[in-house]
Amino acid sequence: MNLRQLEIFQAVMRTGSMSAAAPLVCITQSAVSKIIAHTELQLGYPLFARTRAGLLPTHEARVLFQESAPIRAKLDDLRKVASNLRDV
């Protein structure tokens, strides 16, 4: 899982849907769906059960979400530092 896949996965987990995640990561809903599907293929297991009620995270997705939270936080910190350096 690369950083972009992680960012998109985290957005889907936080919002609960691919369409709501799309604007957060500045791509279309279709692109989010394709990237999640590709990530699931690479990992070898589903991250979400697709139901009529929407997406339901699998056990594996919940574990990955918790374990990747510090990575996302550090990436957010890095973005802030990079932005602040521009303003110096």
Protein backbone atom coordinates (compact mmCIF):
# COMPACT_ATOMS: atom_id res chain seq x y z
CA MET A 1 0.00 0.00 0.00
CA ASN A 2 1.56 3.29 -1.06
CA LEU A 3 0.92 6.68 0.55
CA ARG A 4 -1.71 7.72 -2.00
CA GLN A 5 -3.62 4.48 -1.49
CA LEU A 6 -3.37 5.03 2.26
CA GLU A 7 -4.64 8.59 1.94
CA ILE A 8 -7.63 7.46 -0.12
CA PHE A 9 -8.35 4.50 2.16
CA GLN A 10 -8.26 6.78 5.20
CA ALA A 11 -10.64 9.25 3.50
CA VAL A 12 -13.12 6.48 2.71
CA MET A 13 -12.94 5.18 6.26
CA ARG A 14 -13.43 8.66 7.73
CA THR A 15 -16.36 9.60 5.47
CA GLY A 16 -17.99 6.19 5.09
CA SER A 17 -18.37 6.48 1.32
CA MET A 18 -16.33 6.74 -1.81
CA SER A 19 -18.33 9.67 -3.13
CA ALA A 20 -17.80 11.67 0.07
CA ALA A 21 -14.10 10.76 0.13
CA ALA A 22 -13.49 11.91 -3.46
CA PRO A 23 -13.45 15.69 -2.82
CA LEU A 24 -11.18 15.21 0.20
CA VAL A 25 -8.52 13.62 -1.99
CA CYS A 26 -9.23 15.75 -5.08
CA ILE A 27 -10.23 12.96 -7.44
CA THR A 28 -13.50 11.58 -8.79
CA GLN A 29 -15.63 8.97 -7.06
CA SER A 30 -14.84 6.60 -9.91
CA ALA A 31 -11.10 7.04 -9.34
CA VAL A 32 -11.53 6.41 -5.60
CA SER A 33 -13.45 3.23 -6.36
CA LYS A 34 -10.78 2.02 -8.79
CA ILE A 35 -7.94 2.76 -6.37
CA ILE A 36 -9.71 0.97 -3.51
CA ALA A 37 -10.38 -2.03 -5.77
CA HIS A 38 -6.71 -2.05 -6.88
CA THR A 39 -5.58 -1.81 -3.25
CA GLU A 40 -7.80 -4.74 -2.30
CA LEU A 41 -6.36 -6.74 -5.19
CA GLN A 42 -2.80 -5.97 -4.09
CA LEU A 43 -3.56 -6.83 -0.46
CA GLY A 44 -5.42 -10.00 -1.34
CA TYR A 45 -8.49 -9.28 0.77
CA PRO A 46 -11.48 -6.91 0.71
CA LEU A 47 -11.43 -3.72 2.73
CA PHE A 48 -15.14 -3.06 2.41
CA ALA A 49 -18.31 -5.07 2.01
CA ARG A 50 -20.50 -3.35 -0.54
CA THR A 51 -24.13 -3.44 0.60
CA ARG A 52 -27.32 -1.64 -0.30
CA ALA A 53 -26.84 0.41 2.84
CA GLY A 54 -23.36 1.45 1.70
CA LEU A 55 -19.83 0.44 2.54
CA LEU A 56 -19.09 -1.64 5.60
CA PRO A 57 -15.42 -1.83 6.61
CA THR A 58 -14.09 -5.34 7.07
CA HIS A 59 -12.18 -6.40 10.18
CA GLU A 60 -8.98 -6.00 8.16
CA ALA A 61 -9.94 -2.46 7.18
CA ARG A 62 -10.57 -1.50 10.79
CA VAL A 63 -7.16 -2.87 11.81
CA LEU A 64 -5.40 -1.09 8.93
CA PHE A 65 -7.23 2.14 9.77
CA GLN A 66 -6.04 2.06 13.38
CA GLU A 67 -2.49 1.06 12.49
CA SER A 68 -2.20 3.68 9.75
CA ALA A 69 -3.59 6.58 11.79
CA PRO A 70 -0.13 7.63 13.07
CA ILE A 71 1.21 7.58 9.52
CA ARG A 72 -1.62 9.83 8.36
CA ALA A 73 -1.02 12.18 11.29
CA LYS A 74 2.69 12.43 10.47
CA LEU A 75 1.87 13.09 6.82
CA ASP A 76 -0.51 15.88 7.88
CA ASP A 77 2.26 17.32 10.09
CA LEU A 78 4.70 17.20 7.17
CA ARG A 79 2.23 19.07 4.96
CA LYS A 80 1.89 21.78 7.61
CA VAL A 81 5.66 22.13 7.94
CA ALA A 82 6.06 22.33 4.17
CA SER A 83 3.36 25.01 4.00
CA ASN A 84 4.89 26.98 6.87
CA LEU A 85 8.28 26.94 5.18
CA ARG A 86 6.73 28.69 2.20
CA ASP A 87 5.51 31.46 4.50
CA VAL A 88 8.90 32.05 6.18
